[in-house]
Amino acid sequence: MLSSTTPMPSAAAEMPSAARSNDYLSGEVEHQDCILDAADQQNFLTLCVSRAKSELLVLDL
């Protein structure tokens, strides 16, 4: 399993910067950002300041 700090294999696409918003597919997010509005928070998170509220958070990297 990969975490947001695990290097991606060299054959994979470039991992987005943690300062950008990323899609998540399932799980609950504790949003700590002041960038995304409530509608965007339903589908996106900002990795550099947000964290999982649920035991499992599936990201679309």
Protein backbone atom coordinates (compact mmCIF):
# COMPACT_ATOMS: atom_id res chain seq x y z
CA MET A 1 0.00 0.00 0.00
CA LEU A 2 1.29 3.48 -0.85
CA SER A 3 1.08 6.47 1.44
CA SER A 4 1.28 10.11 0.36
CA THR A 5 4.99 10.04 1.26
CA THR A 6 5.89 6.75 -0.48
CA PRO A 7 7.88 7.30 -3.70
CA MET A 8 5.98 6.21 -6.78
CA PRO A 9 7.58 3.53 -8.99
CA SER A 10 9.53 5.03 -11.89
CA ALA A 11 7.05 3.62 -14.45
CA ALA A 12 4.13 5.45 -12.82
CA ALA A 13 2.87 8.88 -13.78
CA GLU A 14 4.25 11.87 -11.91
CA MET A 15 2.62 12.26 -8.48
CA PRO A 16 0.88 15.62 -8.04
CA SER A 17 2.35 18.13 -5.64
CA ALA A 18 1.00 17.87 -2.09
CA ALA A 19 0.09 21.56 -2.25
CA ARG A 20 -2.49 20.87 -4.96
CA SER A 21 -5.90 19.34 -4.47
CA ASN A 22 -6.29 15.63 -5.22
CA ASP A 23 -9.32 13.44 -5.89
CA TYR A 24 -10.31 10.90 -3.30
CA LEU A 25 -12.52 7.93 -4.08
CA SER A 26 -13.72 6.83 -0.65
CA GLY A 27 -13.29 7.50 3.04
CA GLU A 28 -13.80 10.53 5.25
CA VAL A 29 -11.49 13.55 5.15
CA GLU A 30 -10.72 16.04 7.90
CA HIS A 31 -10.25 19.16 5.78
CA GLN A 32 -7.75 21.62 7.25
CA ASP A 33 -7.44 23.87 4.20
CA CYS A 34 -9.01 27.25 3.54
CA ILE A 35 -8.85 26.85 -0.25
CA LEU A 36 -11.58 24.34 -1.13
CA ASP A 37 -15.23 25.27 -0.69
CA ALA A 38 -17.76 22.80 0.76
CA ALA A 39 -18.77 21.53 -2.70
CA ASP A 40 -15.15 20.82 -3.71
CA GLN A 41 -14.46 19.12 -0.37
CA GLN A 42 -16.96 16.41 -1.34
CA ASN A 43 -14.52 15.12 -4.00
CA PHE A 44 -11.13 16.70 -3.34
CA LEU A 45 -8.63 17.16 -0.53
CA THR A 46 -5.42 19.11 -0.07
CA LEU A 47 -2.80 16.53 0.96
CA CYS A 48 -0.43 18.98 2.63
CA VAL A 49 -2.96 19.95 5.34
CA SER A 50 -5.83 17.44 5.28
CA ARG A 51 -5.93 14.00 6.88
CA ALA A 52 -8.08 10.89 7.00
CA LYS A 53 -10.96 10.77 9.50
CA SER A 54 -11.78 7.19 8.52
CA GLU A 55 -9.55 4.16 8.87
CA LEU A 56 -9.08 3.98 5.09
CA LEU A 57 -8.90 6.86 2.62
CA VAL A 58 -8.60 5.90 -1.06
CA LEU A 59 -6.89 8.52 -3.25
CA ASP A 60 -7.05 8.80 -7.03
CA LEU A 61 -3.39 9.42 -7.84
